[in-house]
Structure formats: C-alpha cells, structure tokens
Full PDB file with SEQRES, HELIX, SHEET, SSBOND, CRYST1, ORIGX, SCALE, CONECT and MASTER records, all heavy atoms in Angstrom:
SEQRES   1 A   36  SER HIS LEU ALA ASN ALA LEU LEU ASP MET ASN ARG LYS          
SEQRES   2 A   36  ASP GLU ALA GLU VAL LEU TYR ALA ARG GLN VAL GLU PHE          
SEQRES   3 A   36  ASP PRO LYS ASP VAL GLY PRO LEU ALA ASN                      
HELIX    1 AA1 HIS A    2  ASP A    9  1                                   8    
HELIX    2 AA2 LYS A   13  PHE A   26  1                                  14    
HELIX    3 AA3 VAL A   31  ALA A   35  1                                   5    
CRYST1    1.000    1.000    1.000  90.00  90.00  90.00 P 1           1          
ORIGX1      1.000000  0.000000  0.000000        0.00000                         
ORIGX2      0.000000  1.000000  0.000000        0.00000                         
ORIGX3      0.000000  0.000000  1.000000        0.00000                         
SCALE1      1.000000  0.000000  0.000000        0.00000                         
SCALE2      0.000000  1.000000  0.000000        0.00000                         
SCALE3      0.000000  0.000000  1.000000        0.00000                         
ATOM      1  N   SER A   1      10.222  29.120  17.561  1.00  0.00           N  
ATOM      2  CA  SER A   1       8.897  28.862  18.110  1.00  0.00           C  
ATOM      3  C   SER A   1       7.793  29.278  17.149  1.00  0.00           C  
ATOM      4  O   SER A   1       6.875  28.496  16.846  1.00  0.00           O  
ATOM      5  CB  SER A   1       8.745  29.599  19.445  1.00  0.00           C  
ATOM      6  OG  SER A   1       7.444  29.448  19.950  1.00  0.00           O  
ATOM      7  N   HIS A   2       7.865  30.507  16.654  1.00  0.00           N  
ATOM      8  CA  HIS A   2       6.813  30.998  15.768  1.00  0.00           C  
ATOM      9  C   HIS A   2       6.807  30.257  14.436  1.00  0.00           C  
ATOM     10  O   HIS A   2       5.736  29.977  13.876  1.00  0.00           O  
ATOM     11  CB  HIS A   2       6.972  32.497  15.546  1.00  0.00           C  
ATOM     12  CG  HIS A   2       6.526  33.339  16.705  1.00  0.00           C  
ATOM     13  ND1 HIS A   2       5.212  33.432  17.096  1.00  0.00           N  
ATOM     14  CD2 HIS A   2       7.225  34.125  17.569  1.00  0.00           C  
ATOM     15  CE1 HIS A   2       5.107  34.232  18.140  1.00  0.00           C  
ATOM     16  NE2 HIS A   2       6.313  34.654  18.450  1.00  0.00           N  
ATOM     17  N   LEU A   3       7.996  29.918  13.919  1.00  0.00           N  
ATOM     18  CA  LEU A   3       8.053  29.190  12.647  1.00  0.00           C  
ATOM     19  C   LEU A   3       7.476  27.790  12.804  1.00  0.00           C  
ATOM     20  O   LEU A   3       6.701  27.326  11.955  1.00  0.00           O  
ATOM     21  CB  LEU A   3       9.492  29.128  12.135  1.00  0.00           C  
ATOM     22  CG  LEU A   3       9.700  28.372  10.822  1.00  0.00           C  
ATOM     23  CD1 LEU A   3       8.809  28.936   9.712  1.00  0.00           C  
ATOM     24  CD2 LEU A   3      11.178  28.429  10.399  1.00  0.00           C  
ATOM     25  N   ALA A   4       7.830  27.110  13.880  1.00  0.00           N  
ATOM     26  CA  ALA A   4       7.288  25.770  14.122  1.00  0.00           C  
ATOM     27  C   ALA A   4       5.767  25.814  14.236  1.00  0.00           C  
ATOM     28  O   ALA A   4       5.067  24.980  13.643  1.00  0.00           O  
ATOM     29  CB  ALA A   4       7.902  25.178  15.391  1.00  0.00           C  
ATOM     30  N   ASN A   5       5.253  26.797  14.970  1.00  0.00           N  
ATOM     31  CA  ASN A   5       3.802  26.909  15.136  1.00  0.00           C  
ATOM     32  C   ASN A   5       3.104  27.226  13.807  1.00  0.00           C  
ATOM     33  O   ASN A   5       2.024  26.706  13.519  1.00  0.00           O  
ATOM     34  CB  ASN A   5       3.459  27.976  16.169  1.00  0.00           C  
ATOM     35  CG  ASN A   5       3.874  27.578  17.570  1.00  0.00           C  
ATOM     36  OD1 ASN A   5       4.054  26.399  17.868  1.00  0.00           O  
ATOM     37  ND2 ASN A   5       4.043  28.551  18.449  1.00  0.00           N  
ATOM     38  N   ALA A   6       3.736  28.098  13.011  1.00  0.00           N  
ATOM     39  CA  ALA A   6       3.151  28.448  11.712  1.00  0.00           C  
ATOM     40  C   ALA A   6       3.135  27.238  10.780  1.00  0.00           C  
ATOM     41  O   ALA A   6       2.158  26.993  10.066  1.00  0.00           O  
ATOM     42  CB  ALA A   6       3.924  29.601  11.077  1.00  0.00           C  
ATOM     43  N   LEU A   7       4.218  26.470  10.785  1.00  0.00           N  
ATOM     44  CA  LEU A   7       4.271  25.251   9.967  1.00  0.00           C  
ATOM     45  C   LEU A   7       3.198  24.255  10.405  1.00  0.00           C  
ATOM     46  O   LEU A   7       2.552  23.606   9.575  1.00  0.00           O  
ATOM     47  CB  LEU A   7       5.654  24.615  10.071  1.00  0.00           C  
ATOM     48  CG  LEU A   7       6.787  25.366   9.373  1.00  0.00           C  
ATOM     49  CD1 LEU A   7       8.138  24.828   9.814  1.00  0.00           C  
ATOM     50  CD2 LEU A   7       6.653  25.262   7.852  1.00  0.00           C  
ATOM     51  N   LEU A   8       3.004  24.150  11.705  1.00  0.00           N  
ATOM     52  CA  LEU A   8       1.976  23.246  12.230  1.00  0.00           C  
ATOM     53  C   LEU A   8       0.588  23.704  11.780  1.00  0.00           C  
ATOM     54  O   LEU A   8      -0.253  22.884  11.390  1.00  0.00           O  
ATOM     55  CB  LEU A   8       2.063  23.199  13.751  1.00  0.00           C  
ATOM     56  CG  LEU A   8       1.239  22.118  14.460  1.00  0.00           C  
ATOM     57  CD1 LEU A   8       1.659  20.732  14.008  1.00  0.00           C  
ATOM     58  CD2 LEU A   8       1.385  22.255  15.969  1.00  0.00           C  
ATOM     59  N   ASP A   9       0.350  25.021  11.825  1.00  0.00           N  
ATOM     60  CA  ASP A   9      -0.933  25.557  11.380  1.00  0.00           C  
ATOM     61  C   ASP A   9      -1.179  25.288   9.896  1.00  0.00           C  
ATOM     62  O   ASP A   9      -2.333  25.164   9.463  1.00  0.00           O  
ATOM     63  CB  ASP A   9      -1.001  27.061  11.638  1.00  0.00           C  
ATOM     64  CG  ASP A   9      -1.154  27.400  13.116  1.00  0.00           C  
ATOM     65  OD1 ASP A   9      -1.571  26.514  13.884  1.00  0.00           O  
ATOM     66  OD2 ASP A   9      -0.840  28.542  13.505  1.00  0.00           O  
ATOM     67  N   MET A  10      -0.096  25.187   9.111  1.00  0.00           N  
ATOM     68  CA  MET A  10      -0.208  24.902   7.682  1.00  0.00           C  
ATOM     69  C   MET A  10      -0.164  23.400   7.398  1.00  0.00           C  
ATOM     70  O   MET A  10      -0.028  22.982   6.256  1.00  0.00           O  
ATOM     71  CB  MET A  10       0.917  25.617   6.923  1.00  0.00           C  
ATOM     72  CG  MET A  10       0.847  27.138   6.981  1.00  0.00           C  
ATOM     73  SD  MET A  10      -0.657  27.807   6.234  1.00  0.00           S  
ATOM     74  CE  MET A  10      -0.432  27.344   4.521  1.00  0.00           C  
ATOM     75  N   ASN A  11      -0.243  22.604   8.476  1.00  0.00           N  
ATOM     76  CA  ASN A  11      -0.258  21.136   8.383  1.00  0.00           C  
ATOM     77  C   ASN A  11       1.060  20.566   7.851  1.00  0.00           C  
ATOM     78  O   ASN A  11       1.088  19.440   7.335  1.00  0.00           O  
ATOM     79  CB  ASN A  11      -1.422  20.648   7.516  1.00  0.00           C  
ATOM     80  CG  ASN A  11      -1.893  19.265   7.927  1.00  0.00           C  
ATOM     81  OD1 ASN A  11      -1.851  18.901   9.097  1.00  0.00           O  
ATOM     82  ND2 ASN A  11      -2.324  18.472   6.951  1.00  0.00           N  
ATOM     83  N   ARG A  12       2.147  21.318   7.998  1.00  0.00           N  
ATOM     84  CA  ARG A  12       3.478  20.827   7.612  1.00  0.00           C  
ATOM     85  C   ARG A  12       4.133  20.249   8.871  1.00  0.00           C  
ATOM     86  O   ARG A  12       5.082  20.789   9.420  1.00  0.00           O  
ATOM     87  CB  ARG A  12       4.281  21.963   6.983  1.00  0.00           C  
ATOM     88  CG  ARG A  12       3.690  22.426   5.654  1.00  0.00           C  
ATOM     89  CD  ARG A  12       4.193  23.776   5.176  1.00  0.00           C  
ATOM     90  NE  ARG A  12       5.627  23.805   4.952  1.00  0.00           N  
ATOM     91  CZ  ARG A  12       6.279  24.857   4.475  1.00  0.00           C  
ATOM     92  NH1 ARG A  12       5.600  25.965   4.158  1.00  0.00           N  
ATOM     93  NH2 ARG A  12       7.579  24.834   4.312  1.00  0.00           N  
ATOM     94  N   LYS A  13       3.576  19.121   9.309  1.00  0.00           N  
ATOM     95  CA  LYS A  13       3.882  18.590  10.631  1.00  0.00           C  
ATOM     96  C   LYS A  13       5.311  18.062  10.761  1.00  0.00           C  
ATOM     97  O   LYS A  13       5.936  18.212  11.814  1.00  0.00           O  
ATOM     98  CB  LYS A  13       2.876  17.495  10.992  1.00  0.00           C  
ATOM     99  CG  LYS A  13       1.453  18.011  11.121  1.00  0.00           C  
ATOM    100  CD  LYS A  13       0.480  16.906  11.471  1.00  0.00           C  
ATOM    101  CE  LYS A  13      -0.940  17.444  11.577  1.00  0.00           C  
ATOM    102  NZ  LYS A  13      -1.917  16.377  11.911  1.00  0.00           N  
ATOM    103  N   ASP A  14       5.829  17.420   9.716  1.00  0.00           N  
ATOM    104  CA  ASP A  14       7.188  16.875   9.801  1.00  0.00           C  
ATOM    105  C   ASP A  14       8.215  17.990   9.992  1.00  0.00           C  
ATOM    106  O   ASP A  14       9.147  17.867  10.793  1.00  0.00           O  
ATOM    107  CB  ASP A  14       7.516  16.065   8.548  1.00  0.00           C  
ATOM    108  CG  ASP A  14       6.729  14.764   8.473  1.00  0.00           C  
ATOM    109  OD1 ASP A  14       6.224  14.322   9.522  1.00  0.00           O  
ATOM    110  OD2 ASP A  14       6.618  14.196   7.361  1.00  0.00           O  
ATOM    111  N   GLU A  15       8.032  19.085   9.250  1.00  0.00           N  
ATOM    112  CA  GLU A  15       8.943  20.217   9.378  1.00  0.00           C  
ATOM    113  C   GLU A  15       8.824  20.864  10.754  1.00  0.00           C  
ATOM    114  O   GLU A  15       9.824  21.252  11.369  1.00  0.00           O  
ATOM    115  CB  GLU A  15       8.657  21.253   8.291  1.00  0.00           C  
ATOM    116  CG  GLU A  15       8.923  20.773   6.877  1.00  0.00           C  
ATOM    117  CD  GLU A  15       8.358  21.733   5.844  1.00  0.00           C  
ATOM    118  OE1 GLU A  15       9.042  22.709   5.506  1.00  0.00           O  
ATOM    119  OE2 GLU A  15       7.212  21.504   5.381  1.00  0.00           O  
ATOM    120  N   ALA A  16       7.584  20.968  11.238  1.00  0.00           N  
ATOM    121  CA  ALA A  16       7.358  21.547  12.564  1.00  0.00           C  
ATOM    122  C   ALA A  16       8.028  20.691  13.633  1.00  0.00           C  
ATOM    123  O   ALA A  16       8.657  21.222  14.564  1.00  0.00           O  
ATOM    124  CB  ALA A  16       5.862  21.653  12.846  1.00  0.00           C  
ATOM    125  N   GLU A  17       7.949  19.379  13.486  1.00  0.00           N  
ATOM    126  CA  GLU A  17       8.529  18.479  14.485  1.00  0.00           C  
ATOM    127  C   GLU A  17      10.044  18.661  14.574  1.00  0.00           C  
ATOM    128  O   GLU A  17      10.630  18.657  15.671  1.00  0.00           O  
ATOM    129  CB  GLU A  17       8.187  17.033  14.143  1.00  0.00           C  
ATOM    130  CG  GLU A  17       8.549  16.040  15.230  1.00  0.00           C  
ATOM    131  CD  GLU A  17       7.991  14.655  14.965  1.00  0.00           C  
ATOM    132  OE1 GLU A  17       7.573  14.369  13.821  1.00  0.00           O  
ATOM    133  OE2 GLU A  17       7.977  13.853  15.915  1.00  0.00           O  
ATOM    134  N   VAL A  18      10.683  18.847  13.436  1.00  0.00           N  
ATOM    135  CA  VAL A  18      12.139  19.068  13.419  1.00  0.00           C  
ATOM    136  C   VAL A  18      12.497  20.335  14.193  1.00  0.00           C  
ATOM    137  O   VAL A  18      13.459  20.360  14.976  1.00  0.00           O  
ATOM    138  CB  VAL A  18      12.651  19.163  11.965  1.00  0.00           C  
ATOM    139  CG1 VAL A  18      14.111  19.629  11.945  1.00  0.00           C  
ATOM    140  CG2 VAL A  18      12.527  17.810  11.270  1.00  0.00           C  
ATOM    141  N   LEU A  19      11.708  21.382  14.006  1.00  0.00           N  
ATOM    142  CA  LEU A  19      11.996  22.652  14.678  1.00  0.00           C  
ATOM    143  C   LEU A  19      11.707  22.582  16.173  1.00  0.00           C  
ATOM    144  O   LEU A  19      12.433  23.163  16.982  1.00  0.00           O  
ATOM    145  CB  LEU A  19      11.212  23.787  14.035  1.00  0.00           C  
ATOM    146  CG  LEU A  19      11.605  24.131  12.601  1.00  0.00           C  
ATOM    147  CD1 LEU A  19      10.876  25.389  12.139  1.00  0.00           C  
ATOM    148  CD2 LEU A  19      13.104  24.336  12.459  1.00  0.00           C  
ATOM    149  N   TYR A  20      10.645  21.876  16.559  1.00  0.00           N  
ATOM    150  CA  TYR A  20      10.386  21.709  17.989  1.00  0.00           C  
ATOM    151  C   TYR A  20      11.539  20.966  18.659  1.00  0.00           C  
ATOM    152  O   TYR A  20      11.937  21.293  19.777  1.00  0.00           O  
ATOM    153  CB  TYR A  20       9.075  20.959  18.214  1.00  0.00           C  
ATOM    154  CG  TYR A  20       7.829  21.773  17.929  1.00  0.00           C  
ATOM    155  CD1 TYR A  20       6.794  21.247  17.146  1.00  0.00           C  
ATOM    156  CD2 TYR A  20       7.669  23.059  18.451  1.00  0.00           C  
ATOM    157  CE1 TYR A  20       5.645  21.986  16.891  1.00  0.00           C  
ATOM    158  CE2 TYR A  20       6.520  23.798  18.190  1.00  0.00           C  
ATOM    159  CZ  TYR A  20       5.517  23.258  17.411  1.00  0.00           C  
ATOM    160  OH  TYR A  20       4.387  23.998  17.163  1.00  0.00           O  
ATOM    161  N   ALA A  21      12.077  19.976  17.958  1.00  0.00           N  
ATOM    162  CA  ALA A  21      13.219  19.227  18.505  1.00  0.00           C  
ATOM    163  C   ALA A  21      14.438  20.139  18.653  1.00  0.00           C  
ATOM    164  O   ALA A  21      15.192  20.029  19.630  1.00  0.00           O  
ATOM    165  CB  ALA A  21      13.543  18.040  17.609  1.00  0.00           C  
ATOM    166  N   ARG A  22      14.632  21.059  17.699  1.00  0.00           N  
ATOM    167  CA  ARG A  22      15.743  22.015  17.813  1.00  0.00           C  
ATOM    168  C   ARG A  22      15.543  22.933  19.021  1.00  0.00           C  
ATOM    169  O   ARG A  22      16.503  23.261  19.728  1.00  0.00           O  
ATOM    170  CB  ARG A  22      15.856  22.844  16.531  1.00  0.00           C  
ATOM    171  CG  ARG A  22      16.552  22.129  15.394  1.00  0.00           C  
ATOM    172  CD  ARG A  22      16.612  22.983  14.151  1.00  0.00           C  
ATOM    173  NE  ARG A  22      17.364  24.208  14.343  1.00  0.00           N  
ATOM    174  CZ  ARG A  22      17.485  25.155  13.411  1.00  0.00           C  
ATOM    175  NH1 ARG A  22      16.896  25.006  12.239  1.00  0.00           N  
ATOM    176  NH2 ARG A  22      18.186  26.239  13.652  1.00  0.00           N  
ATOM    177  N   GLN A  23      14.291  23.332  19.258  1.00  0.00           N  
ATOM    178  CA  GLN A  23      14.012  24.154  20.440  1.00  0.00           C  
ATOM    179  C   GLN A  23      14.400  23.423  21.719  1.00  0.00           C  
ATOM    180  O   GLN A  23      14.966  24.025  22.646  1.00  0.00           O  
ATOM    181  CB  GLN A  23      12.525  24.509  20.496  1.00  0.00           C  
ATOM    182  CG  GLN A  23      12.092  25.610  19.552  1.00  0.00           C  
ATOM    183  CD  GLN A  23      10.624  25.918  19.744  1.00  0.00           C  
ATOM    184  OE1 GLN A  23       9.775  25.491  18.969  1.00  0.00           O  
ATOM    185  NE2 GLN A  23      10.305  26.664  20.779  1.00  0.00           N  
ATOM    186  N   VAL A  24      14.087  22.153  21.783  1.00  0.00           N  
ATOM    187  CA  VAL A  24      14.416  21.359  22.970  1.00  0.00           C  
ATOM    188  C   VAL A  24      15.920  21.269  23.159  1.00  0.00           C  
ATOM    189  O   VAL A  24      16.422  21.309  24.289  1.00  0.00           O  
ATOM    190  CB  VAL A  24      13.780  19.954  22.876  1.00  0.00           C  
ATOM    191  CG1 VAL A  24      14.267  19.060  24.009  1.00  0.00           C  
ATOM    192  CG2 VAL A  24      12.264  20.066  22.915  1.00  0.00           C  
ATOM    193  N   GLU A  25      16.665  21.171  22.064  1.00  0.00           N  
ATOM    194  CA  GLU A  25      18.133  21.135  22.152  1.00  0.00           C  
ATOM    195  C   GLU A  25      18.662  22.416  22.792  1.00  0.00           C  
ATOM    196  O   GLU A  25      19.567  22.386  23.617  1.00  0.00           O  
ATOM    197  CB  GLU A  25      18.747  20.968  20.762  1.00  0.00           C  
ATOM    198  CG  GLU A  25      18.543  19.586  20.148  1.00  0.00           C  
ATOM    199  CD  GLU A  25      19.128  19.511  18.745  1.00  0.00           C  
ATOM    200  OE1 GLU A  25      19.885  20.437  18.367  1.00  0.00           O  
ATOM    201  OE2 GLU A  25      18.820  18.555  18.020  1.00  0.00           O  
ATOM    202  N   PHE A  26      18.087  23.548  22.395  1.00  0.00           N  
ATOM    203  CA  PHE A  26      18.539  24.839  22.921  1.00  0.00           C  
ATOM    204  C   PHE A  26      18.053  25.070  24.359  1.00  0.00           C  
ATOM    205  O   PHE A  26      18.757  25.683  25.163  1.00  0.00           O  
ATOM    206  CB  PHE A  26      18.052  25.987  22.024  1.00  0.00           C  
ATOM    207  CG  PHE A  26      18.677  25.999  20.661  1.00  0.00           C  
ATOM    208  CD1 PHE A  26      17.908  26.229  19.530  1.00  0.00           C  
ATOM    209  CD2 PHE A  26      20.034  25.765  20.495  1.00  0.00           C  
ATOM    210  CE1 PHE A  26      18.478  26.234  18.262  1.00  0.00           C  
ATOM    211  CE2 PHE A  26      20.614  25.769  19.231  1.00  0.00           C  
ATOM    212  CZ  PHE A  26      19.834  26.001  18.108  1.00  0.00           C  
ATOM    213  N   ASP A  27      16.836  24.595  24.680  1.00  0.00           N  
ATOM    214  CA  ASP A  27      16.268  24.822  26.004  1.00  0.00           C  
ATOM    215  C   ASP A  27      15.459  23.593  26.433  1.00  0.00           C  
ATOM    216  O   ASP A  27      14.253  23.511  26.171  1.00  0.00           O  
ATOM    217  CB  ASP A  27      15.375  26.064  25.994  1.00  0.00           C  
ATOM    218  CG  ASP A  27      14.871  26.425  27.386  1.00  0.00           C  
ATOM    219  OD1 ASP A  27      15.185  25.689  28.343  1.00  0.00           O  
ATOM    220  OD2 ASP A  27      14.145  27.439  27.523  1.00  0.00           O  
ATOM    221  N   PRO A  28      16.102  22.621  27.084  1.00  0.00           N  
ATOM    222  CA  PRO A  28      15.425  21.378  27.475  1.00  0.00           C  
ATOM    223  C   PRO A  28      14.294  21.591  28.479  1.00  0.00           C  
ATOM    224  O   PRO A  28      13.507  20.663  28.713  1.00  0.00           O  
ATOM    225  CB  PRO A  28      16.551  20.537  28.103  1.00  0.00           C  
ATOM    226  CG  PRO A  28      17.819  21.137  27.606  1.00  0.00           C  
ATOM    227  CD  PRO A  28      17.541  22.592  27.437  1.00  0.00           C  
ATOM    228  N   LYS A  29      14.201  22.765  29.088  1.00  0.00           N  
ATOM    229  CA  LYS A  29      13.173  23.035  30.092  1.00  0.00           C  
ATOM    230  C   LYS A  29      11.963  23.770  29.529  1.00  0.00           C  
ATOM    231  O   LYS A  29      11.027  24.081  30.262  1.00  0.00           O  
ATOM    232  CB  LYS A  29      13.776  23.859  31.240  1.00  0.00           C  
ATOM    233  CG  LYS A  29      14.894  23.162  32.005  1.00  0.00           C  
ATOM    234  CD  LYS A  29      14.381  21.961  32.768  1.00  0.00           C  
ATOM    235  CE  LYS A  29      15.469  21.343  33.631  1.00  0.00           C  
ATOM    236  NZ  LYS A  29      14.968  20.145  34.360  1.00  0.00           N  
ATOM    237  N   ASP A  30      11.961  24.054  28.234  1.00  0.00           N  
ATOM    238  CA  ASP A  30      10.845  24.776  27.618  1.00  0.00           C  
ATOM    239  C   ASP A  30       9.699  23.803  27.384  1.00  0.00           C  
ATOM    240  O   ASP A  30       9.775  22.922  26.515  1.00  0.00           O  
ATOM    241  CB  ASP A  30      11.302  25.407  26.308  1.00  0.00           C  
ATOM    242  CG  ASP A  30      10.264  26.356  25.724  1.00  0.00           C  
ATOM    243  OD1 ASP A  30       9.112  26.359  26.204  1.00  0.00           O  
ATOM    244  OD2 ASP A  30      10.603  27.103  24.787  1.00  0.00           O  
ATOM    245  N   VAL A  31       8.625  23.949  28.150  1.00  0.00           N  
ATOM    246  CA  VAL A  31       7.539  22.968  28.127  1.00  0.00           C  
ATOM    247  C   VAL A  31       6.760  22.989  26.809  1.00  0.00           C  
ATOM    248  O   VAL A  31       6.234  21.950  26.377  1.00  0.00           O  
ATOM    249  CB  VAL A  31       6.592  23.194  29.325  1.00  0.00           C  
ATOM    250  CG1 VAL A  31       5.846  24.515  29.201  1.00  0.00           C  
ATOM    251  CG2 VAL A  31       5.607  22.048  29.474  1.00  0.00           C  
ATOM    252  N   GLY A  32       6.687  24.140  26.142  1.00  0.00           N  
ATOM    253  CA  GLY A  32       5.897  24.256  24.914  1.00  0.00           C  
ATOM    254  C   GLY A  32       6.293  23.264  23.833  1.00  0.00           C  
ATOM    255  O   GLY A  32       5.475  22.447  23.392  1.00  0.00           O  
ATOM    256  N   PRO A  33       7.551  23.297  23.376  1.00  0.00           N  
ATOM    257  CA  PRO A  33       7.950  22.345  22.336  1.00  0.00           C  
ATOM    258  C   PRO A  33       7.912  20.898  22.797  1.00  0.00           C  
ATOM    259  O   PRO A  33       7.623  19.997  22.005  1.00  0.00           O  
ATOM    260  CB  PRO A  33       9.376  22.774  21.979  1.00  0.00           C  
ATOM    261  CG  PRO A  33       9.830  23.632  23.086  1.00  0.00           C  
ATOM    262  CD  PRO A  33       8.604  24.273  23.645  1.00  0.00           C  
ATOM    263  N   LEU A  34       8.168  20.637  24.070  1.00  0.00           N  
ATOM    264  CA  LEU A  34       8.084  19.268  24.588  1.00  0.00           C  
ATOM    265  C   LEU A  34       6.667  18.719  24.437  1.00  0.00           C  
ATOM    266  O   LEU A  34       6.456  17.596  23.964  1.00  0.00           O  
ATOM    267  CB  LEU A  34       8.506  19.230  26.056  1.00  0.00           C  
ATOM    268  CG  LEU A  34       9.991  19.475  26.357  1.00  0.00           C  
ATOM    269  CD1 LEU A  34      10.202  19.696  27.850  1.00  0.00           C  
ATOM    270  CD2 LEU A  34      10.837  18.301  25.870  1.00  0.00           C  
ATOM    271  N   ALA A  35       5.680  19.531  24.842  1.00  0.00           N  
ATOM    272  CA  ALA A  35       4.283  19.100  24.723  1.00  0.00           C  
ATOM    273  C   ALA A  35       3.867  18.969  23.266  1.00  0.00           C  
ATOM    274  O   ALA A  35       3.123  18.041  22.894  1.00  0.00           O  
ATOM    275  CB  ALA A  35       3.378  20.087  25.453  1.00  0.00           C  
ATOM    276  N   ASN A  36       4.358  19.880  22.406  1.00  0.00           N  
ATOM    277  CA  ASN A  36       4.012  19.799  20.988  1.00  0.00           C  
ATOM    278  C   ASN A  36       4.609  18.552  20.335  1.00  0.00           C  
ATOM    279  O   ASN A  36       3.984  17.934  19.466  1.00  0.00           O  
ATOM    280  CB  ASN A  36       4.483  21.056  20.257  1.00  0.00           C  
ATOM    281  CG  ASN A  36       3.554  22.235  20.482  1.00  0.00           C  
ATOM    282  OD1 ASN A  36       2.349  22.067  20.581  1.00  0.00           O  
ATOM    283  ND2 ASN A  36       4.107  23.426  20.578  1.00  0.00           N  
TER     284      ASN A  36                                                      
MASTER        0    0    0    3    0    0    0    6  283    1    0    3          
END                                                                             
C-alpha cells in the first residue's frame, strides 16, 4: 500500500498500478486499491 502510494506521488503510475492490482489479488475487499 505505502509503496504504491509513494510511486503514485512520484508520478510512476504504471508501477503503482501493478502494485494496486497485487493488493487486490491479496484482498479483493480492500476498497483503497480498487478505487485507485
């Protein structure tokens, strides 16, 4: 979560998107990465 958010803050959006997708794999009910 923190790495994805930090990457997003640094405008490294493609890398952040990959990590948000990994979060969803681990926890499909986590609304944060889904919305991101």
